Amino acid sequence: MHDTNKDNGARSSMTGIMHRLAATAASTLSAMAIAVTMQGAPAARADSPAAEPDVVGHWMTRDHDGVFEIGHCGQKLCGRLVGLRYTTEMPRDKRGQPECNLPMLDGFTPDRDEQGHWNGHVTDPDTGHVYHAKLWVSQSGDLKLRGFVAVPLFGETETWSRYTGTIGPACKLP
C-alpha cells in the first residue's frame, strides 16, 4: 500500500511540491485508466452464461477430514459437508445434529472488486458462530477459504484441494 502522506525526502520548494503533485496526478490517472480498461475485460467473461464458477465442486479440507460440496443455491453459492472421516459414530454439531449434509457455507455472491472471488458466510459447527468469508481458487487450483470478523485482515485462510474420490453411506470417507 502506498502512503501518500509519507515524507520521502523530496524537495521542500514550491516547485518541488508542484512537481510531485503533477507526477502523482499523472500516475493516478494512468492507474485509473489501466484499472478501468482491465475491469472492462473480465466483466465480459463473468456475464457469459456458460462460465461455471471455479469454486463449484467437491473440496477436501486442509486436514483431509472432510469434503465439502459447493454449488448453486438460487443466484448464490453455498456449501455443505458431504464427507467426513470418522471411526465410531458421526460427529454432531453444537445442537446435536449430525454433521452429514450440514450447510456451513452460505450466501456467496461474486466480489465486485476481485474477479473469481466470492463473498459470503461460514458457520462454525462447534460454536454456531457465523463469520464473514471469502472463497477463490488459487493459480495452483486449490480453493482458498478465508473466514474473518469484520474485515479480511482479521481472519484465517484455509487451503482445500479438489476431491475426486468416493464418499460412502452416511457421509463416511474411505
C-alpha atoms as a PDB file:
ATOM      1  CA  MET A   1       0.000   0.000   0.000  1.00  0.00           C
ATOM      2  CA  HIS A   2       1.319   3.463  -0.862  1.00  0.00           C
ATOM      3  CA  ASP A   3       1.166   6.119   1.887  1.00  0.00           C
ATOM      4  CA  THR A   4       0.670   9.483   0.183  1.00  0.00           C
ATOM      5  CA  ASN A   5       1.348  11.371   3.417  1.00  0.00           C
ATOM      6  CA  LYS A   6       4.787   9.852   3.900  1.00  0.00           C
ATOM      7  CA  ASP A   7       7.762  12.236   3.566  1.00  0.00           C
ATOM      8  CA  ASN A   8      10.122  10.732   1.030  1.00  0.00           C
ATOM      9  CA  GLY A   9      12.787  13.413   1.445  1.00  0.00           C
ATOM     10  CA  ALA A  10      11.532  15.339  -1.584  1.00  0.00           C
ATOM     11  CA  ARG A  11      12.465  18.981  -2.135  1.00  0.00           C
ATOM     12  CA  SER A  12      10.556  21.438   0.023  1.00  0.00           C
ATOM     13  CA  SER A  13      10.418  24.250  -2.501  1.00  0.00           C
ATOM     14  CA  MET A  14       7.130  25.192  -4.162  1.00  0.00           C
ATOM     15  CA  THR A  15       8.488  23.917  -7.463  1.00  0.00           C
ATOM     16  CA  GLY A  16       9.210  20.532  -5.878  1.00  0.00           C
ATOM     17  CA  ILE A  17       5.720  20.335  -4.370  1.00  0.00           C
ATOM     18  CA  MET A  18       4.049  21.206  -7.672  1.00  0.00           C
ATOM     19  CA  HIS A  19       6.236  18.688  -9.497  1.00  0.00           C
ATOM     20  CA  ARG A  20       5.258  15.921  -7.030  1.00  0.00           C
ATOM     21  CA  LEU A  21       1.550  16.823  -7.298  1.00  0.00           C
ATOM     22  CA  ALA A  22       1.688  16.745 -11.088  1.00  0.00           C
ATOM     23  CA  ALA A  23       3.536  13.416 -11.069  1.00  0.00           C
ATOM     24  CA  THR A  24       1.073  11.934  -8.551  1.00  0.00           C
ATOM     25  CA  ALA A  25      -1.902  13.139 -10.599  1.00  0.00           C
ATOM     26  CA  ALA A  26      -0.420  11.706 -13.801  1.00  0.00           C
ATOM     27  CA  SER A  27       0.341   8.322 -12.239  1.00  0.00           C
ATOM     28  CA  THR A  28      -3.104   8.222 -10.568  1.00  0.00           C
ATOM     29  CA  LEU A  29      -4.807   8.958 -13.884  1.00  0.00           C
ATOM     30  CA  SER A  30      -2.700   6.303 -15.618  1.00  0.00           C
ATOM     31  CA  ALA A  31      -3.540   3.761 -12.915  1.00  0.00           C
ATOM     32  CA  MET A  32      -7.239   4.652 -13.156  1.00  0.00           C
ATOM     33  CA  ALA A  33      -7.183   4.258 -16.942  1.00  0.00           C
ATOM     34  CA  ILE A  34      -5.481   0.863 -16.641  1.00  0.00           C
ATOM     35  CA  ALA A  35      -7.929  -0.230 -13.914  1.00  0.00           C
ATOM     36  CA  VAL A  36     -10.950   0.818 -15.984  1.00  0.00           C
ATOM     37  CA  THR A  37      -9.549  -1.000 -19.018  1.00  0.00           C
ATOM     38  CA  MET A  38      -8.815  -4.154 -17.016  1.00  0.00           C
ATOM     39  CA  GLN A  39     -12.190  -4.085 -15.237  1.00  0.00           C
ATOM     40  CA  GLY A  40     -13.989  -3.948 -18.554  1.00  0.00           C
ATOM     41  CA  ALA A  41     -12.393  -7.120 -19.918  1.00  0.00           C
ATOM     42  CA  PRO A  42     -13.287  -9.560 -17.098  1.00  0.00           C
ATOM     43  CA  ALA A  43     -16.860  -8.284 -16.949  1.00  0.00           C
ATOM     44  CA  ALA A  44     -17.487  -9.681 -20.407  1.00  0.00           C
ATOM     45  CA  ARG A  45     -16.318 -13.140 -19.284  1.00  0.00           C
ATOM     46  CA  ALA A  46     -18.237 -13.030 -15.997  1.00  0.00           C
ATOM     47  CA  ASP A  47     -21.520 -12.402 -17.844  1.00  0.00           C
ATOM     48  CA  SER A  48     -21.011 -15.447 -20.048  1.00  0.00           C
ATOM     49  CA  PRO A  49     -23.815 -17.926 -19.301  1.00  0.00           C
ATOM     50  CA  ALA A  50     -21.513 -20.892 -19.993  1.00  0.00           C
ATOM     51  CA  ALA A  51     -18.936 -19.817 -17.389  1.00  0.00           C
ATOM     52  CA  GLU A  52     -19.230 -22.033 -14.306  1.00  0.00           C
ATOM     53  CA  PRO A  53     -17.501 -20.620 -11.201  1.00  0.00           C
ATOM     54  CA  ASP A  54     -14.201 -22.389 -10.448  1.00  0.00           C
ATOM     55  CA  VAL A  55     -15.251 -22.846  -6.815  1.00  0.00           C
ATOM     56  CA  VAL A  56     -18.141 -25.198  -7.702  1.00  0.00           C
ATOM     57  CA  GLY A  57     -17.430 -28.853  -6.940  1.00  0.00           C
ATOM     58  CA  HIS A  58     -16.140 -31.119  -4.169  1.00  0.00           C
ATOM     59  CA  TRP A  59     -13.285 -29.921  -1.945  1.00  0.00           C
ATOM     60  CA  MET A  60     -11.177 -31.784   0.639  1.00  0.00           C
ATOM     61  CA  THR A  61     -10.423 -29.752   3.758  1.00  0.00           C
ATOM     62  CA  ARG A  62      -6.922 -28.831   4.866  1.00  0.00           C
ATOM     63  CA  ASP A  63      -6.707 -31.679   7.397  1.00  0.00           C
ATOM     64  CA  HIS A  64      -8.197 -34.234   4.953  1.00  0.00           C
ATOM     65  CA  ASP A  65     -11.004 -34.988   7.394  1.00  0.00           C
ATOM     66  CA  GLY A  66     -13.938 -33.557   5.463  1.00  0.00           C
ATOM     67  CA  VAL A  67     -15.293 -32.945   1.972  1.00  0.00           C
ATOM     68  CA  PHE A  68     -17.492 -30.001   1.076  1.00  0.00           C
ATOM     69  CA  GLU A  69     -19.763 -29.735  -1.913  1.00  0.00           C
ATOM     70  CA  ILE A  70     -20.052 -26.173  -3.208  1.00  0.00           C
ATOM     71  CA  GLY A  71     -22.851 -25.445  -5.645  1.00  0.00           C
ATOM     72  CA  HIS A  72     -25.651 -23.117  -6.624  1.00  0.00           C
ATOM     73  CA  CYS A  73     -28.373 -22.116  -4.177  1.00  0.00           C
ATOM     74  CA  GLY A  74     -30.550 -19.908  -6.352  1.00  0.00           C
ATOM     75  CA  GLN A  75     -28.471 -16.941  -7.517  1.00  0.00           C
ATOM     76  CA  LYS A  76     -25.824 -17.529  -4.826  1.00  0.00           C
ATOM     77  CA  LEU A  77     -23.357 -20.269  -3.984  1.00  0.00           C
ATOM     78  CA  CYS A  78     -23.471 -22.359  -0.837  1.00  0.00           C
ATOM     79  CA  GLY A  79     -21.687 -25.388   0.538  1.00  0.00           C
ATOM     80  CA  ARG A  80     -22.425 -28.331   2.733  1.00  0.00           C
ATOM     81  CA  LEU A  81     -20.353 -31.005   4.399  1.00  0.00           C
ATOM     82  CA  VAL A  82     -20.865 -34.217   2.383  1.00  0.00           C
ATOM     83  CA  GLY A  83     -17.952 -36.385   3.535  1.00  0.00           C
ATOM     84  CA  LEU A  84     -16.382 -36.985   6.943  1.00  0.00           C
ATOM     85  CA  ARG A  85     -13.551 -39.102   8.273  1.00  0.00           C
ATOM     86  CA  TYR A  86     -14.741 -40.757  11.489  1.00  0.00           C
ATOM     87  CA  THR A  87     -14.347 -44.153  13.183  1.00  0.00           C
ATOM     88  CA  THR A  88     -17.193 -44.610  15.676  1.00  0.00           C
ATOM     89  CA  GLU A  89     -20.307 -42.501  15.287  1.00  0.00           C
ATOM     90  CA  MET A  90     -20.889 -39.499  13.062  1.00  0.00           C
ATOM     91  CA  PRO A  91     -19.757 -36.153  14.515  1.00  0.00           C
ATOM     92  CA  ARG A  92     -22.538 -33.793  15.583  1.00  0.00           C
ATOM     93  CA  ASP A  93     -22.854 -30.014  15.629  1.00  0.00           C
ATOM     94  CA  LYS A  94     -23.472 -27.931  18.760  1.00  0.00           C
ATOM     95  CA  ARG A  95     -27.228 -28.650  18.569  1.00  0.00           C
ATOM     96  CA  GLY A  96     -26.602 -32.403  18.413  1.00  0.00           C
ATOM     97  CA  GLN A  97     -27.496 -32.699  14.709  1.00  0.00           C
ATOM     98  CA  PRO A  98     -25.384 -34.992  12.502  1.00  0.00           C
ATOM     99  CA  GLU A  99     -22.783 -33.041  10.536  1.00  0.00           C
ATOM    100  CA  CYS A 100     -23.564 -35.047   7.383  1.00  0.00           C
ATOM    101  CA  ASN A 101     -25.018 -32.608   4.812  1.00  0.00           C
ATOM    102  CA  LEU A 102     -24.690 -29.748   7.295  1.00  0.00           C
ATOM    103  CA  PRO A 103     -24.841 -26.420   5.414  1.00  0.00           C
ATOM    104  CA  MET A 104     -21.802 -24.423   6.510  1.00  0.00           C
ATOM    105  CA  LEU A 105     -21.097 -22.075   3.588  1.00  0.00           C
ATOM    106  CA  ASP A 106     -23.899 -19.691   2.697  1.00  0.00           C
ATOM    107  CA  GLY A 107     -24.831 -16.668   0.623  1.00  0.00           C
ATOM    108  CA  PHE A 108     -21.749 -16.410  -1.580  1.00  0.00           C
ATOM    109  CA  THR A 109     -22.008 -13.744  -4.262  1.00  0.00           C
ATOM    110  CA  PRO A 110     -19.359 -12.579  -6.731  1.00  0.00           C
ATOM    111  CA  ASP A 111     -16.965  -9.964  -5.371  1.00  0.00           C
ATOM    112  CA  ARG A 112     -17.335  -6.828  -7.494  1.00  0.00           C
ATOM    113  CA  ASP A 113     -13.715  -5.837  -6.950  1.00  0.00           C
ATOM    114  CA  GLU A 114     -11.931  -9.176  -7.416  1.00  0.00           C
ATOM    115  CA  GLN A 115     -12.748 -11.438 -10.366  1.00  0.00           C
ATOM    116  CA  GLY A 116     -13.216 -15.072  -9.313  1.00  0.00           C
ATOM    117  CA  HIS A 117     -13.646 -14.215  -5.617  1.00  0.00           C
ATOM    118  CA  TRP A 118     -16.912 -14.830  -3.775  1.00  0.00           C
ATOM    119  CA  ASN A 119     -18.152 -13.224  -0.532  1.00  0.00           C
ATOM    120  CA  GLY A 120     -20.495 -14.954   1.896  1.00  0.00           C
ATOM    121  CA  HIS A 121     -20.629 -16.579   5.326  1.00  0.00           C
ATOM    122  CA  VAL A 122     -19.194 -19.655   7.022  1.00  0.00           C
ATOM    123  CA  THR A 123     -20.695 -21.315  10.109  1.00  0.00           C
ATOM    124  CA  ASP A 124     -18.540 -22.970  12.776  1.00  0.00           C
ATOM    125  CA  PRO A 125     -20.431 -26.195  13.633  1.00  0.00           C
ATOM    126  CA  ASP A 126     -18.846 -26.408  17.096  1.00  0.00           C
ATOM    127  CA  THR A 127     -19.988 -22.970  18.267  1.00  0.00           C
ATOM    128  CA  GLY A 128     -22.728 -21.989  15.822  1.00  0.00           C
ATOM    129  CA  HIS A 129     -20.936 -18.686  15.187  1.00  0.00           C
ATOM    130  CA  VAL A 130     -21.302 -17.255  11.696  1.00  0.00           C
ATOM    131  CA  TYR A 131     -18.335 -15.450  10.158  1.00  0.00           C
ATOM    132  CA  HIS A 132     -17.788 -13.434   7.003  1.00  0.00           C
ATOM    133  CA  ALA A 133     -15.934 -15.439   4.387  1.00  0.00           C
ATOM    134  CA  LYS A 134     -14.268 -15.166   1.006  1.00  0.00           C
ATOM    135  CA  LEU A 135     -13.727 -18.024  -1.489  1.00  0.00           C
ATOM    136  CA  TRP A 136     -11.488 -18.202  -4.543  1.00  0.00           C
ATOM    137  CA  VAL A 137      -9.404 -20.688  -6.493  1.00  0.00           C
ATOM    138  CA  SER A 138      -5.672 -20.007  -6.480  1.00  0.00           C
ATOM    139  CA  GLN A 139      -3.464 -20.241  -9.564  1.00  0.00           C
ATOM    140  CA  SER A 140      -2.380 -23.699  -8.365  1.00  0.00           C
ATOM    141  CA  GLY A 141      -6.010 -24.882  -8.500  1.00  0.00           C
ATOM    142  CA  ASP A 142      -6.575 -25.048  -4.729  1.00  0.00           C
ATOM    143  CA  LEU A 143      -9.591 -23.475  -3.066  1.00  0.00           C
ATOM    144  CA  LYS A 144      -8.864 -20.697  -0.595  1.00  0.00           C
ATOM    145  CA  LEU A 145     -11.433 -20.070   2.141  1.00  0.00           C
ATOM    146  CA  ARG A 146     -10.831 -17.048   4.342  1.00  0.00           C
ATOM    147  CA  GLY A 147     -13.087 -16.672   7.367  1.00  0.00           C
ATOM    148  CA  PHE A 148     -12.939 -13.381   9.205  1.00  0.00           C
ATOM    149  CA  VAL A 149     -14.543 -10.969  11.657  1.00  0.00           C
ATOM    150  CA  ALA A 150     -15.471  -7.558  10.195  1.00  0.00           C
ATOM    151  CA  VAL A 151     -12.593  -7.235   7.695  1.00  0.00           C
ATOM    152  CA  PRO A 152     -10.434  -9.871   5.952  1.00  0.00           C
ATOM    153  CA  LEU A 153      -7.373  -8.583   7.816  1.00  0.00           C
ATOM    154  CA  PHE A 154      -8.755 -10.229  10.981  1.00  0.00           C
ATOM    155  CA  GLY A 155      -9.113 -13.777   9.751  1.00  0.00           C
ATOM    156  CA  GLU A 156      -7.566 -17.035   8.699  1.00  0.00           C
ATOM    157  CA  THR A 157      -7.221 -18.672   5.294  1.00  0.00           C
ATOM    158  CA  GLU A 158      -7.512 -22.414   4.725  1.00  0.00           C
ATOM    159  CA  THR A 159      -6.384 -24.190   1.587  1.00  0.00           C
ATOM    160  CA  TRP A 160      -8.573 -27.009   0.288  1.00  0.00           C
ATOM    161  CA  SER A 161      -7.881 -29.356  -2.630  1.00  0.00           C
ATOM    162  CA  ARG A 162     -10.253 -30.757  -5.259  1.00  0.00           C
ATOM    163  CA  TYR A 163     -11.771 -34.087  -4.261  1.00  0.00           C
ATOM    164  CA  THR A 164     -12.487 -36.740  -6.881  1.00  0.00           C
ATOM    165  CA  GLY A 165     -12.772 -39.794  -4.631  1.00  0.00           C
ATOM    166  CA  THR A 166     -15.824 -41.625  -3.362  1.00  0.00           C
ATOM    167  CA  ILE A 167     -17.997 -40.971  -0.348  1.00  0.00           C
ATOM    168  CA  GLY A 168     -19.664 -43.889   1.411  1.00  0.00           C
ATOM    169  CA  PRO A 169     -23.027 -44.141   3.169  1.00  0.00           C
ATOM    170  CA  ALA A 170     -23.662 -41.654   5.981  1.00  0.00           C
ATOM    171  CA  CYS A 171     -21.033 -39.279   4.523  1.00  0.00           C
ATOM    172  CA  LYS A 172     -18.208 -41.631   5.518  1.00  0.00           C
ATOM    173  CA  LEU A 173     -14.904 -41.119   3.749  1.00  0.00           C
ATOM    174  CA  PRO A 174     -12.872 -44.246   2.901  1.00  0.00           C
END
